[in-house]
Amino acid sequence: MLYAATLCFACTDVDAGSKYIITVGDQQFPGVVETTGDWDTYQTKTLGTVRLATPGPHLVTVKADGPAKNRAVMNVKSITLGPPK
């Protein structure tokens, strides 16, 4: 089954620029955190298409890909798998 993966996150101007890797099953989505203006101002970003071969639980991880650019990498509100676009 195919799903569209999205990330809802927040990050300040000063902390933007850190790298991350989101893994869904065996698929990786690397990225660089963009500013949303504040830690409470969330934006949704499309990660890409996820293919899950079997129904049921799948492991989803969010990890920093190196040190934070400043104080923190980002606030993650949600990762959503929805209908493909």
C-alpha atoms as a PDB file:
ATOM      1  CA  MET A   1       0.000   0.000   0.000  1.00  0.00           C
ATOM      2  CA  LEU A   2       1.156   3.527  -0.788  1.00  0.00           C
ATOM      3  CA  TYR A   3       0.855   6.465   1.592  1.00  0.00           C
ATOM      4  CA  ALA A   4       1.772  10.147   1.472  1.00  0.00           C
ATOM      5  CA  ALA A   5       3.991  10.964   4.474  1.00  0.00           C
ATOM      6  CA  THR A   6       3.890  14.436   6.049  1.00  0.00           C
ATOM      7  CA  LEU A   7       5.716  16.038   8.968  1.00  0.00           C
ATOM      8  CA  CYS A   8       4.178  18.762  11.157  1.00  0.00           C
ATOM      9  CA  PHE A   9       6.985  20.653  12.924  1.00  0.00           C
ATOM     10  CA  ALA A  10       8.090  23.955  14.439  1.00  0.00           C
ATOM     11  CA  CYS A  11      11.491  25.670  14.716  1.00  0.00           C
ATOM     12  CA  THR A  12      12.860  29.128  15.458  1.00  0.00           C
ATOM     13  CA  ASP A  13      14.997  31.170  13.068  1.00  0.00           C
ATOM     14  CA  VAL A  14      18.074  30.660  15.263  1.00  0.00           C
ATOM     15  CA  ASP A  15      17.693  26.872  15.443  1.00  0.00           C
ATOM     16  CA  ALA A  16      16.793  26.199  11.783  1.00  0.00           C
ATOM     17  CA  GLY A  17      19.309  24.353   9.636  1.00  0.00           C
ATOM     18  CA  SER A  18      19.769  21.142  11.638  1.00  0.00           C
ATOM     19  CA  LYS A  19      19.645  17.892   9.673  1.00  0.00           C
ATOM     20  CA  TYR A  20      17.276  15.005  10.440  1.00  0.00           C
ATOM     21  CA  ILE A  21      16.325  11.555   9.173  1.00  0.00           C
ATOM     22  CA  ILE A  22      12.787  10.200   9.435  1.00  0.00           C
ATOM     23  CA  THR A  23      12.515   6.446   8.911  1.00  0.00           C
ATOM     24  CA  VAL A  24       9.265   4.623   8.141  1.00  0.00           C
ATOM     25  CA  GLY A  25       9.841   0.870   7.986  1.00  0.00           C
ATOM     26  CA  ASP A  26      12.914   0.539   5.743  1.00  0.00           C
ATOM     27  CA  GLN A  27      12.483   3.884   3.938  1.00  0.00           C
ATOM     28  CA  GLN A  28      14.408   7.015   4.930  1.00  0.00           C
ATOM     29  CA  PHE A  29      13.480  10.659   4.432  1.00  0.00           C
ATOM     30  CA  PRO A  30      16.452  12.950   5.189  1.00  0.00           C
ATOM     31  CA  GLY A  31      15.949  16.683   5.466  1.00  0.00           C
ATOM     32  CA  VAL A  32      17.069  20.025   6.822  1.00  0.00           C
ATOM     33  CA  VAL A  33      14.840  21.841   9.309  1.00  0.00           C
ATOM     34  CA  GLU A  34      13.403  25.098   7.998  1.00  0.00           C
ATOM     35  CA  THR A  35      12.298  27.952  10.212  1.00  0.00           C
ATOM     36  CA  THR A  36       8.628  28.325  11.066  1.00  0.00           C
ATOM     37  CA  GLY A  37       9.294  31.479  13.077  1.00  0.00           C
ATOM     38  CA  ASP A  38       8.695  30.118  16.581  1.00  0.00           C
ATOM     39  CA  TRP A  39       8.518  26.911  18.638  1.00  0.00           C
ATOM     40  CA  ASP A  40       4.686  27.171  18.668  1.00  0.00           C
ATOM     41  CA  THR A  41       4.192  27.981  14.969  1.00  0.00           C
ATOM     42  CA  TYR A  42       3.782  24.655  13.171  1.00  0.00           C
ATOM     43  CA  GLN A  43       4.018  23.931   9.453  1.00  0.00           C
ATOM     44  CA  THR A  44       3.343  20.758   7.521  1.00  0.00           C
ATOM     45  CA  LYS A  45       5.944  19.478   5.080  1.00  0.00           C
ATOM     46  CA  THR A  46       5.515  16.638   2.573  1.00  0.00           C
ATOM     47  CA  LEU A  47       8.165  13.969   3.085  1.00  0.00           C
ATOM     48  CA  GLY A  48       7.313  11.698   0.161  1.00  0.00           C
ATOM     49  CA  THR A  49       5.591   8.425  -0.647  1.00  0.00           C
ATOM     50  CA  VAL A  50       5.822   5.453   1.705  1.00  0.00           C
ATOM     51  CA  ARG A  51       5.269   1.883   0.539  1.00  0.00           C
ATOM     52  CA  LEU A  52       4.192  -0.555   3.248  1.00  0.00           C
ATOM     53  CA  ALA A  53       4.010  -4.146   2.028  1.00  0.00           C
ATOM     54  CA  THR A  54       2.054  -5.541   4.967  1.00  0.00           C
ATOM     55  CA  PRO A  55      -0.754  -4.231   7.170  1.00  0.00           C
ATOM     56  CA  GLY A  56      -0.164  -3.720  10.873  1.00  0.00           C
ATOM     57  CA  PRO A  57       2.289  -1.795  13.034  1.00  0.00           C
ATOM     58  CA  HIS A  58       5.420  -0.278  11.494  1.00  0.00           C
ATOM     59  CA  LEU A  59       8.275   1.508  13.239  1.00  0.00           C
ATOM     60  CA  VAL A  60       8.598   5.263  12.629  1.00  0.00           C
ATOM     61  CA  THR A  61      11.658   7.106  13.972  1.00  0.00           C
ATOM     62  CA  VAL A  62      12.837  10.721  13.946  1.00  0.00           C
ATOM     63  CA  LYS A  63      16.547  11.267  14.578  1.00  0.00           C
ATOM     64  CA  ALA A  64      18.947  14.168  14.356  1.00  0.00           C
ATOM     65  CA  ASP A  65      21.535  13.638  11.612  1.00  0.00           C
ATOM     66  CA  GLY A  66      24.411  15.231  13.487  1.00  0.00           C
ATOM     67  CA  PRO A  67      24.483  17.892  16.178  1.00  0.00           C
ATOM     68  CA  ALA A  68      21.780  20.544  16.506  1.00  0.00           C
ATOM     69  CA  LYS A  69      22.718  23.782  14.761  1.00  0.00           C
ATOM     70  CA  ASN A  70      22.018  25.704  17.953  1.00  0.00           C
ATOM     71  CA  ARG A  71      19.879  24.659  20.951  1.00  0.00           C
ATOM     72  CA  ALA A  72      17.537  22.046  19.486  1.00  0.00           C
ATOM     73  CA  VAL A  73      16.615  20.380  16.201  1.00  0.00           C
ATOM     74  CA  MET A  74      12.812  20.901  16.007  1.00  0.00           C
ATOM     75  CA  ASN A  75       9.484  20.340  17.726  1.00  0.00           C
ATOM     76  CA  VAL A  76       7.603  17.471  16.093  1.00  0.00           C
ATOM     77  CA  LYS A  77       3.836  17.643  16.414  1.00  0.00           C
ATOM     78  CA  SER A  78       2.996  14.708  14.150  1.00  0.00           C
ATOM     79  CA  ILE A  79       4.002  12.432  11.315  1.00  0.00           C
ATOM     80  CA  THR A  80       0.996  11.440   9.219  1.00  0.00           C
ATOM     81  CA  LEU A  81       0.519   8.690   6.649  1.00  0.00           C
ATOM     82  CA  GLY A  82      -2.454   9.445   4.412  1.00  0.00           C
ATOM     83  CA  PRO A  83      -3.795   8.702   0.953  1.00  0.00           C
ATOM     84  CA  PRO A  84      -1.197   9.170  -1.807  1.00  0.00           C
ATOM     85  CA  LYS A  85      -1.427  12.372  -3.836  1.00  0.00           C
END
